[in-house]
Amino acid sequence: MRRRPAAVMVDANVARQQRACARGEEAQVEEDTRTIEDGGVASDTWVEVGGKRYRRLLVRTHVIRAGDEIPALMKRYLGPYVQPGDIVFIGQKAAAAAQGRAYPVDQIRPRALARFLCRFVRKVGYGIGLGIPETMEMAIREVGVLRILLAAVVGAIGRLLGRRGDFYRVAGRAVAAIDGPTPYTLPPYNRYVVLAPRDPDGLARQIASALAPVRVAAAIIDANDIGCNVLGATPGLDRRLLVSVMRDNPMGQGVQRTPIGIIRPAA
C-alpha cells in the first residue's frame, strides 16, 4: 500500500483540526509540533480565570515579514476556526515586523547618548530591553531625546526611593515594547530590534473587520515569560481579562511560530 506524501498527510490533519473546531470539539495537536503545517493548531489549552474557563487555540503561521497584510493573514489562518464571541489576537512582534518596524541590529548606529544610557539599564534574565546601545538608540528615535532624558532622571530618582518602572512610565508603552535580539528568538529576528506596532487599536479594528461576518473581538498583545500587556484592542474588550488569560504566555518565546490565536469562553 502506497503511503501519501508527508505534506499531504499534514494538510489533511489541518483540515481535521478545522472541522473539529467548527464543531466545538478539541483540536488534536501533534505531540511533535514540528510536523504542524502553516494554518494548523499547534496548541489547544484551557485556563480558568475568575471561575470561568477559556480555551486558547494557537495557530502556526509562516515567518511573518515586512509587507505581510495582517488583517488578510488573520483571515487566512484563523478564518476556518473562529466562532461568534471569540477573541482573536496577534503578538506585537509579528504585527510590528509586518509593518516594517523590525531593524537589523548590525545596521543601527547608536549615538553616544544611547551608549551611555544603556549602561544604567537593569539587567534581567528574560530579555535585553534597552540594555544594549542599539535598543536604546531606537527608543530615542521613537520618542525623542528630551523624553528619554526625562525618563532617565525620573527613573534614577525612583531607584533611590526603592521604586522600579518609573523610566518606562515616563518613556511610554512604545519604548517598553521594544524587543532586542536574543539567541532564542525565531530567525531572522534573533538579530533584529523590533519596535511596537503602529496604531495597535486601529490594527485590532481592521482584524475584526477582516473576519466579518463572524463577530469577534481582536487584540494586539505583548506577552513574554513575565506576563502580558495589551497594546491595542477593539472597543469594549476587557483588557484585564485578556491579560489574565494570557499571563503564562502560551505563545512561547522561541521558534514556535505561533504568533496568532483565538480565545474562546467556555459555553
C-alpha atoms as a PDB file:
ATOM      1  CA  MET A   1       0.000   0.000   0.000  1.00  0.00           C
ATOM      2  CA  ARG A   2       1.449   3.345  -1.023  1.00  0.00           C
ATOM      3  CA  ARG A   3       1.778   5.997   1.642  1.00  0.00           C
ATOM      4  CA  ARG A   4       0.737   9.517   0.892  1.00  0.00           C
ATOM      5  CA  PRO A   5       3.480  12.153   0.983  1.00  0.00           C
ATOM      6  CA  ALA A   6       4.013  13.600   4.456  1.00  0.00           C
ATOM      7  CA  ALA A   7       2.950  17.084   3.373  1.00  0.00           C
ATOM      8  CA  VAL A   8      -0.406  15.760   2.161  1.00  0.00           C
ATOM      9  CA  MET A   9      -0.920  13.880   5.419  1.00  0.00           C
ATOM     10  CA  VAL A  10      -0.207  17.026   7.424  1.00  0.00           C
ATOM     11  CA  ASP A  11      -2.563  19.080   5.266  1.00  0.00           C
ATOM     12  CA  ALA A  12      -5.273  16.524   5.992  1.00  0.00           C
ATOM     13  CA  ASN A  13      -4.551  16.916   9.708  1.00  0.00           C
ATOM     14  CA  VAL A  14      -5.044  20.696   9.423  1.00  0.00           C
ATOM     15  CA  ALA A  15      -8.400  20.104   7.721  1.00  0.00           C
ATOM     16  CA  ARG A  16      -9.446  17.735  10.525  1.00  0.00           C
ATOM     17  CA  GLN A  17      -8.485  20.347  13.117  1.00  0.00           C
ATOM     18  CA  GLN A  18     -10.544  22.988  11.327  1.00  0.00           C
ATOM     19  CA  ARG A  19     -13.603  20.738  11.171  1.00  0.00           C
ATOM     20  CA  ALA A  20     -13.234  19.783  14.849  1.00  0.00           C
ATOM     21  CA  CYS A  21     -13.015  23.415  15.942  1.00  0.00           C
ATOM     22  CA  ALA A  22     -16.039  24.310  13.828  1.00  0.00           C
ATOM     23  CA  ARG A  23     -17.978  21.638  15.754  1.00  0.00           C
ATOM     24  CA  GLY A  24     -16.689  22.967  19.090  1.00  0.00           C
ATOM     25  CA  GLU A  25     -14.558  19.875  19.690  1.00  0.00           C
ATOM     26  CA  GLU A  26     -10.932  19.588  20.794  1.00  0.00           C
ATOM     27  CA  ALA A  27      -8.318  20.056  18.073  1.00  0.00           C
ATOM     28  CA  GLN A  28      -5.995  17.062  18.177  1.00  0.00           C
ATOM     29  CA  VAL A  29      -2.480  18.524  18.303  1.00  0.00           C
ATOM     30  CA  GLU A  30       0.552  16.525  17.195  1.00  0.00           C
ATOM     31  CA  GLU A  31       2.936  15.834  20.071  1.00  0.00           C
ATOM     32  CA  ASP A  32       5.830  16.859  17.836  1.00  0.00           C
ATOM     33  CA  THR A  33       4.765  20.383  16.836  1.00  0.00           C
ATOM     34  CA  ARG A  34       7.455  20.475  14.153  1.00  0.00           C
ATOM     35  CA  THR A  35       5.053  18.432  11.987  1.00  0.00           C
ATOM     36  CA  ILE A  36       2.327  21.080  12.122  1.00  0.00           C
ATOM     37  CA  GLU A  37       1.790  22.786   8.789  1.00  0.00           C
ATOM     38  CA  ASP A  38       1.086  26.510   8.490  1.00  0.00           C
ATOM     39  CA  GLY A  39      -2.554  27.002   9.414  1.00  0.00           C
ATOM     40  CA  GLY A  40      -2.631  24.064  11.816  1.00  0.00           C
ATOM     41  CA  VAL A  41      -3.415  24.247  15.522  1.00  0.00           C
ATOM     42  CA  ALA A  42      -0.111  23.914  17.361  1.00  0.00           C
ATOM     43  CA  SER A  43      -1.546  24.314  20.860  1.00  0.00           C
ATOM     44  CA  ASP A  44      -5.040  23.805  22.321  1.00  0.00           C
ATOM     45  CA  THR A  45      -5.203  24.547  26.046  1.00  0.00           C
ATOM     46  CA  TRP A  46      -7.645  25.715  28.690  1.00  0.00           C
ATOM     47  CA  VAL A  47      -7.195  28.199  31.525  1.00  0.00           C
ATOM     48  CA  GLU A  48      -9.526  29.245  34.346  1.00  0.00           C
ATOM     49  CA  VAL A  49      -9.884  32.923  35.251  1.00  0.00           C
ATOM     50  CA  GLY A  50     -12.377  34.246  37.770  1.00  0.00           C
ATOM     51  CA  GLY A  51     -14.170  30.912  37.959  1.00  0.00           C
ATOM     52  CA  LYS A  52     -14.694  30.741  34.181  1.00  0.00           C
ATOM     53  CA  ARG A  53     -12.816  28.565  31.689  1.00  0.00           C
ATOM     54  CA  TYR A  54     -11.279  29.855  28.460  1.00  0.00           C
ATOM     55  CA  ARG A  55      -9.956  27.847  25.543  1.00  0.00           C
ATOM     56  CA  ARG A  56      -6.768  29.044  23.849  1.00  0.00           C
ATOM     57  CA  LEU A  57      -6.024  27.955  20.283  1.00  0.00           C
ATOM     58  CA  LEU A  58      -2.607  28.852  18.864  1.00  0.00           C
ATOM     59  CA  VAL A  59      -2.222  28.582  15.100  1.00  0.00           C
ATOM     60  CA  ARG A  60       1.062  28.045  13.258  1.00  0.00           C
ATOM     61  CA  THR A  61       1.978  30.646  10.606  1.00  0.00           C
ATOM     62  CA  HIS A  62       4.769  31.262   8.147  1.00  0.00           C
ATOM     63  CA  VAL A  63       7.568  33.566   9.284  1.00  0.00           C
ATOM     64  CA  ILE A  64       5.887  36.973   9.133  1.00  0.00           C
ATOM     65  CA  ARG A  65       7.891  39.629   7.331  1.00  0.00           C
ATOM     66  CA  ALA A  66       7.610  43.244   6.215  1.00  0.00           C
ATOM     67  CA  GLY A  67       4.799  43.683   3.725  1.00  0.00           C
ATOM     68  CA  ASP A  68       2.518  40.949   5.055  1.00  0.00           C
ATOM     69  CA  GLU A  69      -1.027  42.280   5.406  1.00  0.00           C
ATOM     70  CA  ILE A  70      -2.038  41.412   8.959  1.00  0.00           C
ATOM     71  CA  PRO A  71      -5.857  41.552   8.531  1.00  0.00           C
ATOM     72  CA  ALA A  72      -5.658  39.279   5.472  1.00  0.00           C
ATOM     73  CA  LEU A  73      -3.203  36.989   7.261  1.00  0.00           C
ATOM     74  CA  MET A  74      -5.549  36.655  10.249  1.00  0.00           C
ATOM     75  CA  LYS A  75      -8.480  35.848   7.977  1.00  0.00           C
ATOM     76  CA  ARG A  76      -6.436  33.242   6.120  1.00  0.00           C
ATOM     77  CA  TYR A  77      -5.184  31.427   9.210  1.00  0.00           C
ATOM     78  CA  LEU A  78      -7.979  31.985  11.745  1.00  0.00           C
ATOM     79  CA  GLY A  79     -10.993  32.188   9.433  1.00  0.00           C
ATOM     80  CA  PRO A  80     -11.557  28.396   9.417  1.00  0.00           C
ATOM     81  CA  TYR A  81     -11.631  28.305  13.236  1.00  0.00           C
ATOM     82  CA  VAL A  82     -13.359  31.456  14.509  1.00  0.00           C
ATOM     83  CA  GLN A  83     -16.800  31.484  16.070  1.00  0.00           C
ATOM     84  CA  PRO A  84     -19.009  34.381  17.207  1.00  0.00           C
ATOM     85  CA  GLY A  85     -17.830  35.728  20.559  1.00  0.00           C
ATOM     86  CA  ASP A  86     -14.186  34.703  20.085  1.00  0.00           C
ATOM     87  CA  ILE A  87     -11.246  36.966  20.869  1.00  0.00           C
ATOM     88  CA  VAL A  88      -8.518  36.796  18.233  1.00  0.00           C
ATOM     89  CA  PHE A  89      -5.028  38.083  18.932  1.00  0.00           C
ATOM     90  CA  ILE A  90      -1.609  38.602  17.408  1.00  0.00           C
ATOM     91  CA  GLY A  91       1.711  39.184  19.139  1.00  0.00           C
ATOM     92  CA  GLN A  92       3.147  42.668  18.898  1.00  0.00           C
ATOM     93  CA  LYS A  93       6.454  41.494  17.403  1.00  0.00           C
ATOM     94  CA  ALA A  94       4.734  39.791  14.455  1.00  0.00           C
ATOM     95  CA  ALA A  95       2.480  42.804  13.891  1.00  0.00           C
ATOM     96  CA  ALA A  96       5.424  45.211  14.001  1.00  0.00           C
ATOM     97  CA  ALA A  97       7.518  43.060  11.673  1.00  0.00           C
ATOM     98  CA  ALA A  98       4.712  43.087   9.095  1.00  0.00           C
ATOM     99  CA  GLN A  99       4.614  46.890   9.323  1.00  0.00           C
ATOM    100  CA  GLY A 100       8.336  47.118   8.581  1.00  0.00           C
ATOM    101  CA  ARG A 101       9.250  48.084  12.142  1.00  0.00           C
ATOM    102  CA  ALA A 102      11.966  45.448  12.614  1.00  0.00           C
ATOM    103  CA  TYR A 103      15.556  46.606  12.082  1.00  0.00           C
ATOM    104  CA  PRO A 104      18.731  44.514  11.703  1.00  0.00           C
ATOM    105  CA  VAL A 105      20.848  45.236  14.755  1.00  0.00           C
ATOM    106  CA  ASP A 106      24.028  45.498  12.686  1.00  0.00           C
ATOM    107  CA  GLN A 107      22.500  48.364  10.670  1.00  0.00           C
ATOM    108  CA  ILE A 108      21.700  50.533  13.701  1.00  0.00           C
ATOM    109  CA  ARG A 109      24.323  53.154  14.535  1.00  0.00           C
ATOM    110  CA  PRO A 110      23.872  54.198  18.189  1.00  0.00           C
ATOM    111  CA  ARG A 111      24.735  57.745  19.197  1.00  0.00           C
ATOM    112  CA  ALA A 112      26.955  58.476  22.193  1.00  0.00           C
ATOM    113  CA  LEU A 113      23.939  59.185  24.417  1.00  0.00           C
ATOM    114  CA  ALA A 114      22.487  55.728  23.695  1.00  0.00           C
ATOM    115  CA  ARG A 115      25.798  54.052  24.512  1.00  0.00           C
ATOM    116  CA  PHE A 116      25.948  55.988  27.785  1.00  0.00           C
ATOM    117  CA  LEU A 117      22.347  55.470  28.960  1.00  0.00           C
ATOM    118  CA  CYS A 118      22.193  51.732  28.236  1.00  0.00           C
ATOM    119  CA  ARG A 119      24.907  51.171  30.863  1.00  0.00           C
ATOM    120  CA  PHE A 120      22.391  52.051  33.583  1.00  0.00           C
ATOM    121  CA  VAL A 121      19.617  49.694  32.452  1.00  0.00           C
ATOM    122  CA  ARG A 122      18.923  46.962  34.989  1.00  0.00           C
ATOM    123  CA  LYS A 123      19.889  43.578  33.580  1.00  0.00           C
ATOM    124  CA  VAL A 124      17.194  40.894  33.750  1.00  0.00           C
ATOM    125  CA  GLY A 125      17.066  37.253  32.764  1.00  0.00           C
ATOM    126  CA  TYR A 126      14.072  37.408  30.402  1.00  0.00           C
ATOM    127  CA  GLY A 127      15.284  39.794  27.698  1.00  0.00           C
ATOM    128  CA  ILE A 128      17.581  42.605  26.677  1.00  0.00           C
ATOM    129  CA  GLY A 129      15.173  45.528  26.802  1.00  0.00           C
ATOM    130  CA  LEU A 130      17.126  48.772  26.453  1.00  0.00           C
ATOM    131  CA  GLY A 131      20.281  47.216  27.832  1.00  0.00           C
ATOM    132  CA  ILE A 132      22.297  47.493  24.623  1.00  0.00           C
ATOM    133  CA  PRO A 133      23.158  50.657  22.661  1.00  0.00           C
ATOM    134  CA  GLU A 134      21.076  49.623  19.631  1.00  0.00           C
ATOM    135  CA  THR A 135      17.791  49.241  21.518  1.00  0.00           C
ATOM    136  CA  MET A 136      18.390  52.466  23.439  1.00  0.00           C
ATOM    137  CA  GLU A 137      19.084  54.226  20.151  1.00  0.00           C
ATOM    138  CA  MET A 138      15.752  53.049  18.746  1.00  0.00           C
ATOM    139  CA  ALA A 139      13.989  54.244  21.907  1.00  0.00           C
ATOM    140  CA  ILE A 140      15.481  57.696  21.379  1.00  0.00           C
ATOM    141  CA  ARG A 141      14.338  57.693  17.758  1.00  0.00           C
ATOM    142  CA  GLU A 142      10.822  56.646  18.808  1.00  0.00           C
ATOM    143  CA  VAL A 143      10.092  59.298  21.434  1.00  0.00           C
ATOM    144  CA  GLY A 144      12.922  61.828  21.233  1.00  0.00           C
ATOM    145  CA  VAL A 145      15.961  62.786  23.283  1.00  0.00           C
ATOM    146  CA  LEU A 146      14.135  65.006  25.784  1.00  0.00           C
ATOM    147  CA  ARG A 147      11.606  62.364  26.790  1.00  0.00           C
ATOM    148  CA  ILE A 148      14.280  59.699  27.199  1.00  0.00           C
ATOM    149  CA  LEU A 149      16.412  62.053  29.305  1.00  0.00           C
ATOM    150  CA  LEU A 150      13.392  62.933  31.475  1.00  0.00           C
ATOM    151  CA  ALA A 151      12.585  59.234  31.854  1.00  0.00           C
ATOM    152  CA  ALA A 152      16.194  58.525  32.835  1.00  0.00           C
ATOM    153  CA  VAL A 153      16.161  61.235  35.519  1.00  0.00           C
ATOM    154  CA  VAL A 154      12.800  60.126  36.931  1.00  0.00           C
ATOM    155  CA  GLY A 155      13.936  56.514  36.807  1.00  0.00           C
ATOM    156  CA  ALA A 156      17.130  57.320  38.704  1.00  0.00           C
ATOM    157  CA  ILE A 157      15.167  59.141  41.418  1.00  0.00           C
ATOM    158  CA  GLY A 158      12.741  56.236  41.621  1.00  0.00           C
ATOM    159  CA  ARG A 159      15.577  53.800  42.182  1.00  0.00           C
ATOM    160  CA  LEU A 160      16.870  55.902  45.048  1.00  0.00           C
ATOM    161  CA  LEU A 161      13.386  55.680  46.578  1.00  0.00           C
ATOM    162  CA  GLY A 162      13.238  51.921  46.041  1.00  0.00           C
ATOM    163  CA  ARG A 163      10.791  52.042  43.114  1.00  0.00           C
ATOM    164  CA  ARG A 164      11.014  50.273  39.773  1.00  0.00           C
ATOM    165  CA  GLY A 165       9.396  51.018  36.448  1.00  0.00           C
ATOM    166  CA  ASP A 166       9.446  54.832  36.594  1.00  0.00           C
ATOM    167  CA  PHE A 167      11.617  55.040  33.476  1.00  0.00           C
ATOM    168  CA  TYR A 168       9.056  53.193  31.348  1.00  0.00           C
ATOM    169  CA  ARG A 169       6.105  55.020  32.902  1.00  0.00           C
ATOM    170  CA  VAL A 170       7.611  58.260  31.604  1.00  0.00           C
ATOM    171  CA  ALA A 171       9.055  56.923  28.353  1.00  0.00           C
ATOM    172  CA  GLY A 172       5.752  55.269  27.447  1.00  0.00           C
ATOM    173  CA  ARG A 173       4.440  51.985  26.073  1.00  0.00           C
ATOM    174  CA  ALA A 174       6.145  52.413  22.717  1.00  0.00           C
ATOM    175  CA  VAL A 175       9.512  52.260  24.466  1.00  0.00           C
ATOM    176  CA  ALA A 176       8.515  49.486  26.878  1.00  0.00           C
ATOM    177  CA  ALA A 177       7.508  47.282  23.926  1.00  0.00           C
ATOM    178  CA  ILE A 178      10.892  47.454  22.163  1.00  0.00           C
ATOM    179  CA  ASP A 179      12.402  43.978  21.768  1.00  0.00           C
ATOM    180  CA  GLY A 180      16.106  43.386  21.332  1.00  0.00           C
ATOM    181  CA  PRO A 181      17.915  40.471  19.683  1.00  0.00           C
ATOM    182  CA  THR A 182      18.095  37.244  21.685  1.00  0.00           C
ATOM    183  CA  PRO A 183      19.507  33.837  20.719  1.00  0.00           C
ATOM    184  CA  TYR A 184      16.207  32.029  21.376  1.00  0.00           C
ATOM    185  CA  THR A 185      14.094  34.259  19.108  1.00  0.00           C
ATOM    186  CA  LEU A 186      12.803  32.934  15.783  1.00  0.00           C
ATOM    187  CA  PRO A 187      15.294  33.770  12.981  1.00  0.00           C
ATOM    188  CA  PRO A 188      15.840  36.199  11.410  1.00  0.00           C
ATOM    189  CA  TYR A 189      14.518  38.248  14.344  1.00  0.00           C
ATOM    190  CA  ASN A 190      17.193  36.905  16.675  1.00  0.00           C
ATOM    191  CA  ARG A 191      19.356  39.574  15.025  1.00  0.00           C
ATOM    192  CA  TYR A 192      16.756  42.371  14.925  1.00  0.00           C
ATOM    193  CA  VAL A 193      15.465  45.186  17.104  1.00  0.00           C
ATOM    194  CA  VAL A 194      11.668  45.237  16.872  1.00  0.00           C
ATOM    195  CA  LEU A 195       9.607  48.296  17.774  1.00  0.00           C
ATOM    196  CA  ALA A 196       5.995  48.484  18.893  1.00  0.00           C
ATOM    197  CA  PRO A 197       3.421  48.267  16.077  1.00  0.00           C
ATOM    198  CA  ARG A 198       1.902  51.472  14.762  1.00  0.00           C
ATOM    199  CA  ASP A 199      -1.695  52.273  15.760  1.00  0.00           C
ATOM    200  CA  PRO A 200      -2.425  48.959  17.525  1.00  0.00           C
ATOM    201  CA  ASP A 201      -6.042  49.933  18.278  1.00  0.00           C
ATOM    202  CA  GLY A 202      -6.644  50.667  14.605  1.00  0.00           C
ATOM    203  CA  LEU A 203      -4.982  47.406  13.606  1.00  0.00           C
ATOM    204  CA  ALA A 204      -7.222  45.484  16.010  1.00  0.00           C
ATOM    205  CA  ARG A 205     -10.310  47.035  14.394  1.00  0.00           C
ATOM    206  CA  GLN A 206      -9.030  46.098  10.931  1.00  0.00           C
ATOM    207  CA  ILE A 207      -8.516  42.497  12.041  1.00  0.00           C
ATOM    208  CA  ALA A 208     -12.049  42.259  13.441  1.00  0.00           C
ATOM    209  CA  SER A 209     -13.455  43.700  10.213  1.00  0.00           C
ATOM    210  CA  ALA A 210     -11.468  41.230   8.104  1.00  0.00           C
ATOM    211  CA  LEU A 211     -13.062  38.303   9.956  1.00  0.00           C
ATOM    212  CA  ALA A 212     -16.621  39.568   9.387  1.00  0.00           C
ATOM    213  CA  PRO A 213     -19.376  38.452   9.189  1.00  0.00           C
ATOM    214  CA  VAL A 214     -18.237  36.452  12.224  1.00  0.00           C
ATOM    215  CA  ARG A 215     -18.381  38.873  15.162  1.00  0.00           C
ATOM    216  CA  VAL A 216     -15.110  38.729  17.097  1.00  0.00           C
ATOM    217  CA  ALA A 217     -13.042  40.989  19.317  1.00  0.00           C
ATOM    218  CA  ALA A 218      -9.387  41.498  18.449  1.00  0.00           C
ATOM    219  CA  ALA A 219      -6.230  42.495  20.284  1.00  0.00           C
ATOM    220  CA  ILE A 220      -2.536  43.144  19.818  1.00  0.00           C
ATOM    221  CA  ILE A 221      -0.637  41.730  22.793  1.00  0.00           C
ATOM    222  CA  ASP A 222       2.903  41.837  24.137  1.00  0.00           C
ATOM    223  CA  ALA A 223       3.355  38.576  26.035  1.00  0.00           C
ATOM    224  CA  ASN A 224       6.562  37.218  27.496  1.00  0.00           C
ATOM    225  CA  ASP A 225       7.678  34.935  30.284  1.00  0.00           C
ATOM    226  CA  ILE A 226       6.856  37.501  32.993  1.00  0.00           C
ATOM    227  CA  GLY A 227       3.380  38.500  31.887  1.00  0.00           C
ATOM    228  CA  CYS A 228       1.239  40.126  29.212  1.00  0.00           C
ATOM    229  CA  ASN A 229       0.293  43.640  28.126  1.00  0.00           C
ATOM    230  CA  VAL A 230      -2.444  44.644  25.697  1.00  0.00           C
ATOM    231  CA  LEU A 231      -1.128  47.239  23.242  1.00  0.00           C
ATOM    232  CA  GLY A 232      -4.324  47.576  21.232  1.00  0.00           C
ATOM    233  CA  ALA A 233      -7.859  46.197  21.194  1.00  0.00           C
ATOM    234  CA  THR A 234     -11.296  46.612  19.696  1.00  0.00           C
ATOM    235  CA  PRO A 235     -13.714  48.757  21.708  1.00  0.00           C
ATOM    236  CA  GLY A 236     -15.343  47.015  24.652  1.00  0.00           C
ATOM    237  CA  LEU A 237     -12.765  44.254  25.020  1.00  0.00           C
ATOM    238  CA  ASP A 238     -11.904  43.533  28.653  1.00  0.00           C
ATOM    239  CA  ARG A 239      -8.152  44.088  28.596  1.00  0.00           C
ATOM    240  CA  ARG A 240      -7.643  42.925  32.175  1.00  0.00           C
ATOM    241  CA  LEU A 241      -9.334  39.642  31.376  1.00  0.00           C
ATOM    242  CA  LEU A 242      -7.133  39.177  28.329  1.00  0.00           C
ATOM    243  CA  VAL A 243      -4.002  39.831  30.398  1.00  0.00           C
ATOM    244  CA  SER A 244      -5.103  37.203  32.917  1.00  0.00           C
ATOM    245  CA  VAL A 245      -5.926  34.621  30.238  1.00  0.00           C
ATOM    246  CA  MET A 246      -2.544  35.072  28.521  1.00  0.00           C
ATOM    247  CA  ARG A 247      -0.424  35.665  31.618  1.00  0.00           C
ATOM    248  CA  ASP A 248       1.546  32.419  31.217  1.00  0.00           C
ATOM    249  CA  ASN A 249       2.443  33.274  27.600  1.00  0.00           C
ATOM    250  CA  PRO A 250       1.242  30.125  25.807  1.00  0.00           C
ATOM    251  CA  MET A 251       2.590  31.630  22.560  1.00  0.00           C
ATOM    252  CA  GLY A 252       6.133  30.908  23.709  1.00  0.00           C
ATOM    253  CA  GLN A 253       9.318  32.932  23.438  1.00  0.00           C
ATOM    254  CA  GLY A 254      11.216  30.882  20.882  1.00  0.00           C
ATOM    255  CA  VAL A 255      10.777  29.275  17.482  1.00  0.00           C
ATOM    256  CA  GLN A 256       7.177  28.030  17.881  1.00  0.00           C
ATOM    257  CA  ARG A 257       5.824  30.231  15.037  1.00  0.00           C
ATOM    258  CA  THR A 258       2.513  30.684  16.876  1.00  0.00           C
ATOM    259  CA  PRO A 259       2.082  34.482  16.993  1.00  0.00           C
ATOM    260  CA  ILE A 260      -1.690  34.373  16.463  1.00  0.00           C
ATOM    261  CA  GLY A 261      -4.567  32.634  18.116  1.00  0.00           C
ATOM    262  CA  ILE A 262      -8.088  32.537  19.489  1.00  0.00           C
ATOM    263  CA  ILE A 263      -9.506  32.812  22.997  1.00  0.00           C
ATOM    264  CA  ARG A 264     -12.936  31.232  23.381  1.00  0.00           C
ATOM    265  CA  PRO A 265     -15.030  31.363  26.575  1.00  0.00           C
ATOM    266  CA  ALA A 266     -16.475  28.027  27.633  1.00  0.00           C
ATOM    267  CA  ALA A 267     -20.131  27.667  26.708  1.00  0.00           C
END
